[in-house]
């Protein structure tokens, strides 16, 4: 009897710990936000846009994407204004029968006008609000607004807000990191933050001539990855890195997994394209007696040649060496030009300050308060060493005649 009573007590006691969540929300009571956009109306008013999944339409929209403004779209875009992001979000909630749910939001888009005005007033909400995923990507919409971008239909994806994230992955860049990277760099005393850039572009509709592209009826709108937006320490947009410059910067940071490199070979009167892997970066810093900063950047990669539009027979080792030398020189010139561009703006987007701090901690104390000036005046050298490991089964291009081939 005693054992029976004891078992009953234990049984009822354990029931306390297996009750359901007291604050649970059913799936049919939430609005799943997959992408958000923020624009500025004036200095006291922000415009918030959310792209929300319509779960009942996902299956009908898959395969054909979002082809128009009809009722078969797998998403809706809702907008509201407010004095802050949370105020705008509260006003947006008044338009929805379901509670906004941000745990699946992967992209946040910032209109260019707001980026130029500055992100100080919105960065606090994204760093403080527990509903914000730090592993989200935050983008600047070049030459346009975030609302207009969220309205663009994308034929390959049922949810357009997710398309640009996949594009970035296929280019070999990091995904799901730009928000946390931005917040970390923004809190740095010396580094300047950057954000990826997305752009709305118009293309001639299928079956139309390019001369008809000016006619809106004959064009389609799509989105593309367009480089990086550069901010100063006041979190104001001061310039852009182009698409290629952004990829070169990722290589310098050691965060790029693969790279398609194309270069012109003067001796071969044509171009080659290399599928580069094993991308590595090494940065060394030093201080001259007159307190001038010296930085050397070494970038290495190895890969296989996927295209040869020169007249060189790449079965000859001397021609392979010639191609490597020409390709390396072109890359060195291009990357050095990008670094000079950032030096003129006085924004260290390469984290050279971190390398200086780690390699010369004793000297860094006297440099960090004047790093912007030191960076602008720094002597920075770039060396690229790309090696070709595989040229395929053919040496010269197949369309060349014997007398045209340089062996």
Protein backbone atom coordinates (compact mmCIF):
# COMPACT_ATOMS: atom_id res chain seq x y z
CA UNK A 1 0.00 0.00 0.00
CA UNK A 2 2.84 2.35 0.91
CA UNK A 3 4.53 1.57 -2.41
CA UNK A 4 1.31 2.29 -4.30
CA UNK A 5 0.88 5.69 -2.60
CA UNK A 6 4.50 6.55 -3.27
CA UNK A 7 4.14 5.69 -6.95
CA UNK A 8 0.99 7.82 -7.23
CA UNK A 9 2.78 10.79 -5.65
CA UNK A 10 5.73 10.40 -8.02
CA UNK A 11 3.41 10.04 -11.00
CA UNK A 12 1.44 13.19 -10.21
CA UNK A 13 4.68 15.02 -9.39
CA UNK A 14 6.20 14.32 -12.78
CA UNK A 15 3.08 15.60 -14.52
CA UNK A 16 4.07 19.12 -13.42
CA UNK A 17 7.14 18.99 -15.67
CA UNK A 18 5.45 17.64 -18.80
CA UNK A 19 2.83 20.31 -19.28
CA UNK A 20 2.70 22.17 -22.58
CA UNK A 21 4.24 25.58 -23.27
CA UNK A 22 2.17 28.24 -21.56
CA UNK A 23 2.97 30.86 -24.20
CA UNK A 24 2.77 28.74 -27.35
CA UNK A 25 1.31 30.19 -30.56
CA UNK A 26 -0.33 27.95 -33.11
CA UNK A 27 0.96 27.99 -36.68
CA UNK A 28 -2.33 29.26 -38.01
CA UNK A 29 -2.04 32.28 -35.68
CA UNK A 30 1.32 33.63 -36.92
CA UNK A 31 2.52 35.59 -39.95
CA UNK A 32 5.93 34.20 -40.94
CA UNK A 33 8.17 37.06 -42.10
CA UNK A 34 10.93 35.98 -44.51
CA UNK A 35 12.20 39.41 -45.51
CA UNK A 36 11.96 42.97 -44.24
CA UNK A 37 12.68 46.35 -45.80
CA UNK A 38 13.38 49.69 -44.13
CA UNK A 39 13.17 53.12 -45.79
CA UNK A 40 13.14 56.67 -44.47
CA UNK A 41 10.36 59.18 -45.19
CA UNK A 42 11.94 62.04 -43.26
CA UNK A 43 14.23 62.31 -40.23
CA UNK A 44 11.36 61.42 -37.88
CA UNK A 45 9.52 58.79 -39.93
CA UNK A 46 10.59 55.33 -41.05
CA UNK A 47 8.76 53.03 -43.46
CA UNK A 48 8.82 49.31 -42.67
CA UNK A 49 7.91 46.60 -45.19
CA UNK A 50 7.56 42.88 -44.48
CA UNK A 51 7.29 40.03 -46.96
CA UNK A 52 5.05 37.41 -45.37
CA UNK A 53 4.53 33.81 -46.47
CA UNK A 54 1.03 32.75 -47.49
CA UNK A 55 1.44 29.08 -46.61
CA UNK A 56 -1.72 27.92 -48.39
CA UNK A 57 -0.34 29.18 -51.74
CA UNK A 58 3.22 27.84 -51.57
CA UNK A 59 2.49 24.59 -53.40
CA UNK A 60 0.58 26.34 -56.21
CA UNK A 61 3.33 28.95 -56.60
CA UNK A 62 6.26 26.52 -56.66
CA UNK A 63 7.76 25.83 -60.03
CA UNK A 64 6.33 28.94 -61.63
CA UNK A 65 7.57 31.39 -59.05
CA UNK A 66 5.72 34.66 -58.55
CA UNK A 67 4.56 35.74 -61.96
CA UNK A 68 2.28 38.61 -61.18
CA UNK A 69 0.07 40.35 -58.72
CA UNK A 70 -2.61 37.71 -58.81
CA UNK A 71 -3.99 35.70 -55.94
CA UNK A 72 -1.65 32.74 -56.50
CA UNK A 73 1.43 34.48 -55.07
CA UNK A 74 3.05 32.65 -52.15
CA UNK A 75 3.65 35.93 -50.32
CA UNK A 76 2.18 39.30 -49.49
CA UNK A 77 4.03 42.56 -48.79
CA UNK A 78 2.70 44.71 -45.96
CA UNK A 79 3.91 48.23 -45.15
CA UNK A 80 3.58 50.70 -42.28
CA UNK A 81 5.29 53.86 -41.02
CA UNK A 82 6.39 54.95 -37.57
CA UNK A 83 8.82 57.05 -35.56
CA UNK A 84 11.03 53.98 -35.05
CA UNK A 85 11.21 50.41 -36.30
CA UNK A 86 9.23 49.03 -33.37
CA UNK A 87 6.65 51.80 -33.73
CA UNK A 88 6.27 50.96 -37.43
CA UNK A 89 6.06 47.25 -36.56
CA UNK A 90 3.30 47.98 -34.04
CA UNK A 91 1.38 49.92 -36.69
CA UNK A 92 1.87 47.07 -39.15
CA UNK A 93 0.46 44.55 -36.68
CA UNK A 94 -2.80 46.52 -36.68
CA UNK A 95 -3.23 45.47 -40.34
CA UNK A 96 -2.74 41.74 -39.72
CA UNK A 97 -4.99 39.12 -38.19
CA UNK A 98 -1.94 37.03 -37.21
CA UNK A 99 1.04 37.82 -35.01
CA UNK A 100 4.25 38.79 -36.82
CA UNK A 101 6.88 36.04 -36.45
CA UNK A 102 10.52 36.88 -37.29
CA UNK A 103 12.42 33.70 -36.41
CA UNK A 104 12.58 32.65 -40.08
CA UNK A 105 13.54 36.06 -41.46
CA UNK A 106 16.78 35.72 -43.42
CA UNK A 107 17.10 39.05 -45.23
CA UNK A 108 16.70 42.69 -44.22
CA UNK A 109 16.86 45.32 -46.97
CA UNK A 110 17.84 48.97 -46.46
CA UNK A 111 16.87 51.65 -48.99
CA UNK A 112 19.77 53.74 -50.33
CA UNK A 113 18.33 57.02 -49.03
CA UNK A 114 18.23 55.62 -45.49
CA UNK A 115 21.77 54.22 -45.88
CA UNK A 116 23.04 57.69 -46.83
CA UNK A 117 21.12 59.26 -43.94
CA UNK A 118 22.73 56.79 -41.53
CA UNK A 119 21.86 53.54 -39.77
CA UNK A 120 22.51 54.64 -36.19
CA UNK A 121 18.81 54.94 -35.36
CA UNK A 122 17.93 51.45 -36.58
CA UNK A 123 21.04 49.49 -35.56
CA UNK A 124 20.02 49.50 -31.89
CA UNK A 125 16.74 47.69 -32.58
CA UNK A 126 18.49 44.95 -34.55
CA UNK A 127 21.11 44.43 -31.83
CA UNK A 128 18.73 44.62 -28.85
CA UNK A 129 15.51 42.98 -30.02
CA UNK A 130 15.58 39.22 -29.18
CA UNK A 131 13.26 38.52 -32.14
CA UNK A 132 16.01 39.50 -34.58
CA UNK A 133 18.18 36.67 -35.95
CA UNK A 134 21.81 37.78 -35.79
CA UNK A 135 22.61 35.28 -38.54
CA UNK A 136 20.54 37.25 -41.00
CA UNK A 137 21.82 39.12 -44.02
CA UNK A 138 21.23 42.84 -44.23
CA UNK A 139 21.44 44.45 -47.68
CA UNK A 140 21.56 47.94 -49.17
CA UNK A 141 19.27 48.48 -52.17
CA UNK A 142 21.33 50.49 -54.63
CA UNK A 143 19.54 53.39 -56.37
CA UNK A 144 16.16 52.32 -55.03
CA UNK A 145 13.97 51.66 -51.99
CA UNK A 146 13.57 48.50 -49.95
CA UNK A 147 9.81 48.51 -50.60
CA UNK A 148 10.31 48.46 -54.37
CA UNK A 149 12.69 45.53 -54.05
CA UNK A 150 10.22 43.49 -51.99
CA UNK A 151 7.63 44.07 -54.70
CA UNK A 152 9.82 42.53 -57.41
CA UNK A 153 8.66 39.07 -58.46
CA UNK A 154 11.36 36.47 -59.05
CA UNK A 155 10.48 33.68 -61.50
CA UNK A 156 12.78 31.00 -60.02
CA UNK A 157 11.69 31.32 -56.38
CA UNK A 158 8.21 31.32 -54.87
CA UNK A 159 9.54 33.67 -52.13
CA UNK A 160 11.50 36.52 -53.82
CA UNK A 161 13.14 37.71 -50.56
CA UNK A 162 15.14 34.45 -50.43
CA UNK A 163 16.46 34.61 -54.01
CA UNK A 164 19.38 36.98 -53.42
CA UNK A 165 20.64 34.88 -50.49
CA UNK A 166 20.95 31.84 -52.76
CA UNK A 167 22.71 33.97 -55.38
CA UNK A 168 25.34 34.99 -52.84
CA UNK A 169 25.93 31.35 -51.85
CA UNK A 170 26.43 30.28 -55.47
CA UNK A 171 29.08 32.99 -55.87
CA UNK A 172 31.13 31.45 -53.07
CA UNK A 173 30.55 34.22 -50.55
CA UNK A 174 29.50 33.85 -46.90
CA UNK A 175 25.78 33.85 -46.19
CA UNK A 176 23.87 34.57 -43.01
CA UNK A 177 26.67 36.68 -41.53
CA UNK A 178 26.37 40.28 -42.70
CA UNK A 179 24.18 41.51 -39.78
CA UNK A 180 26.41 40.17 -37.02
CA UNK A 181 29.53 41.28 -38.93
CA UNK A 182 28.07 44.74 -39.38
CA UNK A 183 27.24 45.11 -35.69
CA UNK A 184 30.67 43.86 -34.62
CA UNK A 185 32.54 46.15 -37.01
CA UNK A 186 30.30 49.11 -36.19
CA UNK A 187 31.37 48.78 -32.55
CA UNK A 188 35.05 48.80 -33.54
CA UNK A 189 37.00 51.99 -32.94
CA UNK A 190 38.91 51.78 -36.21
CA UNK A 191 37.34 49.43 -38.81
CA UNK A 192 34.54 50.58 -41.11
CA UNK A 193 31.54 48.29 -41.73
CA UNK A 194 30.23 47.14 -45.09
CA UNK A 195 26.99 45.54 -46.24
CA UNK A 196 26.18 43.51 -49.36
CA UNK A 197 24.35 45.35 -52.12
CA UNK A 198 21.36 44.25 -54.16
CA UNK A 199 20.13 46.06 -57.24
CA UNK A 200 16.90 46.02 -59.24
CA UNK A 201 17.62 45.59 -62.94
CA UNK A 202 15.43 45.52 -66.03
CA UNK A 203 15.97 42.98 -68.77
CA UNK A 204 14.36 42.53 -72.15
CA UNK A 205 11.51 40.05 -71.98
CA UNK A 206 11.97 36.67 -73.65
CA UNK A 207 11.64 36.82 -77.42
CA UNK A 208 12.13 40.60 -77.61
CA UNK A 209 14.94 42.50 -79.27
CA UNK A 210 17.30 44.45 -77.03
CA UNK A 211 16.20 47.61 -78.89
CA UNK A 212 12.74 47.16 -77.37
CA UNK A 213 14.06 47.08 -73.79
CA UNK A 214 13.09 50.70 -73.16
CA UNK A 215 9.43 49.78 -73.52
CA UNK A 216 8.21 48.80 -70.04
CA UNK A 217 5.75 46.32 -71.56
CA UNK A 218 8.67 44.41 -73.07
CA UNK A 219 10.90 44.30 -69.97
CA UNK A 220 11.00 42.25 -66.81
CA UNK A 221 12.43 43.31 -63.47
CA UNK A 222 14.78 41.10 -61.53
CA UNK A 223 17.36 41.44 -58.75
CA UNK A 224 21.10 40.84 -58.65
CA UNK A 225 24.01 40.91 -56.22
CA UNK A 226 25.88 44.16 -56.92
CA UNK A 227 28.86 44.37 -54.54
CA UNK A 228 29.26 45.96 -51.10
CA UNK A 229 28.15 49.24 -49.56
CA UNK A 230 30.83 51.05 -47.54
CA UNK A 231 29.98 52.99 -44.37
CA UNK A 232 31.96 55.45 -42.25
CA UNK A 233 32.17 55.37 -38.46
CA UNK A 234 28.91 57.37 -38.26
CA UNK A 235 27.25 54.46 -40.14
CA UNK A 236 26.55 56.61 -43.20
CA UNK A 237 26.92 55.26 -46.73
CA UNK A 238 30.01 56.79 -48.36
CA UNK A 239 30.58 54.58 -51.40
CA UNK A 240 30.38 51.18 -53.04
CA UNK A 241 32.63 48.29 -53.91
CA UNK A 242 31.72 46.85 -57.29
CA UNK A 243 30.69 43.23 -57.78
CA UNK A 244 34.26 42.16 -58.62
CA UNK A 245 35.81 44.32 -55.87
CA UNK A 246 33.51 42.74 -53.30
CA UNK A 247 34.63 39.25 -54.34
CA UNK A 248 38.30 40.32 -54.19
CA UNK A 249 37.72 41.67 -50.67
CA UNK A 250 36.27 38.32 -49.58
CA UNK A 251 39.39 36.66 -50.92
CA UNK A 252 41.52 39.05 -48.85
CA UNK A 253 39.50 38.25 -45.74
CA UNK A 254 40.01 34.50 -46.23
CA UNK A 255 36.28 33.85 -46.45
CA UNK A 256 35.86 32.96 -50.11
CA UNK A 257 35.57 29.28 -51.01
CA UNK A 258 35.98 29.41 -54.80
CA UNK A 259 36.46 32.02 -57.48
CA UNK A 260 36.03 32.15 -61.27
CA UNK A 261 38.98 34.25 -62.47
CA UNK A 262 39.15 35.64 -66.00
CA UNK A 263 42.13 37.56 -67.33
CA UNK A 264 43.49 38.88 -70.61
CA UNK A 265 46.79 37.38 -71.79
CA UNK A 266 48.54 39.88 -74.12
CA UNK A 267 51.01 37.31 -75.47
CA UNK A 268 48.14 34.99 -76.35
CA UNK A 269 45.87 37.74 -77.72
CA UNK A 270 42.90 36.45 -75.73
CA UNK A 271 41.45 35.55 -72.36
CA UNK A 272 41.58 32.54 -70.06
CA UNK A 273 39.18 31.55 -67.30
CA UNK A 274 40.30 29.67 -64.23
CA UNK A 275 38.17 27.80 -61.69
CA UNK A 276 40.21 28.74 -58.61
CA UNK A 277 40.09 26.81 -55.34
CA UNK A 278 42.24 26.68 -52.19
CA UNK A 279 41.96 30.45 -51.82
CA UNK A 280 44.23 31.78 -49.08
CA UNK A 281 45.23 35.18 -47.77
CA UNK A 282 48.21 36.31 -45.69
CA UNK A 283 48.59 39.87 -44.42
CA UNK A 284 51.75 41.20 -42.74
CA UNK A 285 52.19 44.64 -41.21
CA UNK A 286 55.17 46.69 -40.08
CA UNK A 287 56.03 50.18 -38.84
CA UNK A 288 58.84 52.21 -40.35
CA UNK A 289 61.08 54.41 -38.15
CA UNK A 290 59.07 57.48 -39.20
CA UNK A 291 55.87 55.76 -37.93
CA UNK A 292 54.54 55.02 -41.42
CA UNK A 293 52.40 51.89 -41.71
CA UNK A 294 53.49 49.23 -44.22
CA UNK A 295 51.11 46.42 -45.21
CA UNK A 296 51.81 43.50 -47.53
CA UNK A 297 48.98 41.34 -48.87
CA UNK A 298 49.69 37.88 -50.30
CA UNK A 299 46.84 36.06 -52.06
CA UNK A 300 47.24 32.50 -53.30
CA UNK A 301 45.00 30.06 -55.18
CA UNK A 302 45.19 26.97 -57.35
CA UNK A 303 42.76 25.71 -59.91
CA UNK A 304 42.00 24.27 -63.31
CA UNK A 305 41.71 26.10 -66.60
CA UNK A 306 38.14 25.86 -67.90
CA UNK A 307 38.43 28.16 -70.93
CA UNK A 308 41.28 29.12 -73.24
CA UNK A 309 40.53 31.82 -75.81
CA UNK A 310 44.20 32.53 -76.56
CA UNK A 311 46.40 31.12 -79.34
CA UNK A 312 48.71 29.44 -76.80
CA UNK A 313 49.30 25.71 -76.65
CA UNK A 314 48.95 25.06 -72.93
CA UNK A 315 50.59 21.66 -73.18
CA UNK A 316 53.85 23.61 -73.06
CA UNK A 317 54.93 24.44 -69.51
CA UNK A 318 56.42 27.79 -70.59
CA UNK A 319 53.00 28.88 -71.86
CA UNK A 320 51.35 27.88 -68.60
CA UNK A 321 53.90 29.98 -66.74
CA UNK A 322 53.24 32.86 -69.12
CA UNK A 323 49.49 32.66 -68.44
CA UNK A 324 50.03 32.51 -64.66
CA UNK A 325 52.30 35.57 -64.75
CA UNK A 326 49.90 37.65 -66.84
CA UNK A 327 46.90 36.64 -64.74
CA UNK A 328 48.70 37.43 -61.48
CA UNK A 329 49.79 40.87 -62.71
CA UNK A 330 46.26 41.76 -63.76
CA UNK A 331 44.84 40.66 -60.40
CA UNK A 332 47.52 42.57 -58.47
CA UNK A 333 46.74 45.76 -60.39
CA UNK A 334 42.99 45.34 -59.89
CA UNK A 335 43.17 44.66 -56.15
CA UNK A 336 45.70 47.45 -55.53
CA UNK A 337 43.33 49.87 -57.31
CA UNK A 338 40.48 48.77 -55.00
CA UNK A 339 42.61 49.32 -51.88
CA UNK A 340 43.64 52.79 -53.09
CA UNK A 341 39.97 53.62 -53.65
CA UNK A 342 39.22 52.81 -50.00
CA UNK A 343 42.29 54.71 -48.79
CA UNK A 344 41.00 57.86 -50.51
CA UNK A 345 37.71 57.45 -48.60
CA UNK A 346 39.64 56.81 -45.38
CA UNK A 347 37.67 53.65 -44.55
CA UNK A 348 39.47 50.46 -43.55
CA UNK A 349 37.09 47.75 -44.76
CA UNK A 350 39.83 45.11 -44.90
CA UNK A 351 40.38 44.77 -41.13
CA UNK A 352 44.01 45.81 -41.49
CA UNK A 353 43.63 47.31 -38.01
CA UNK A 354 43.08 43.84 -36.54
CA UNK A 355 46.27 42.54 -38.15
CA UNK A 356 48.20 45.54 -36.87
CA UNK A 357 46.78 45.03 -33.37
CA UNK A 358 47.68 41.33 -33.29
CA UNK A 359 51.13 41.68 -34.85
CA UNK A 360 52.20 44.85 -33.02
CA UNK A 361 50.16 45.17 -29.81
CA UNK A 362 52.67 47.52 -28.19
CA UNK A 363 52.67 49.98 -31.10
CA UNK A 364 48.93 49.73 -31.72
CA UNK A 365 48.13 51.77 -28.62
CA UNK A 366 49.73 54.82 -30.19
CA UNK A 367 48.20 54.20 -33.62
CA UNK A 368 44.53 53.41 -33.00
CA UNK A 369 43.48 56.98 -32.15
CA UNK A 370 44.78 58.17 -35.52
CA UNK A 371 44.17 55.02 -37.58
CA UNK A 372 42.06 56.68 -40.27
CA UNK A 373 44.94 59.00 -41.19
CA UNK A 374 47.52 56.20 -40.86
CA UNK A 375 45.46 53.97 -43.14
CA UNK A 376 45.11 56.69 -45.79
CA UNK A 377 48.88 57.21 -45.81
CA UNK A 378 49.87 53.53 -45.51
CA UNK A 379 52.15 51.90 -48.06
CA UNK A 380 50.20 48.79 -49.15
CA UNK A 381 51.61 46.20 -51.57
CA UNK A 382 49.70 43.32 -53.17
CA UNK A 383 51.14 40.07 -54.49
CA UNK A 384 49.02 37.37 -56.14
CA UNK A 385 50.21 33.83 -56.77
CA UNK A 386 47.67 31.82 -58.75
CA UNK A 387 48.86 28.47 -60.06
CA UNK A 388 47.29 26.36 -62.81
CA UNK A 389 47.12 22.69 -61.83
CA UNK A 390 45.05 21.36 -64.73
CA UNK A 391 44.53 22.57 -68.31
CA UNK A 392 42.24 19.82 -69.55
CA UNK A 393 42.87 17.29 -72.30
CA UNK A 394 43.51 19.84 -75.07
CA UNK A 395 46.34 22.35 -75.24
CA UNK A 396 45.33 25.02 -77.79
CA UNK A 397 41.78 26.02 -78.69
CA UNK A 398 40.30 23.48 -81.12
CA UNK A 399 39.19 26.07 -83.68
CA UNK A 400 42.77 27.28 -84.32
CA UNK A 401 44.75 26.16 -87.35
CA UNK A 402 48.27 24.83 -86.91
CA UNK A 403 49.96 27.99 -88.12
CA UNK A 404 47.98 30.06 -85.62
CA UNK A 405 49.08 28.09 -82.54
CA UNK A 406 51.93 29.38 -80.40
CA UNK A 407 53.83 26.44 -78.95
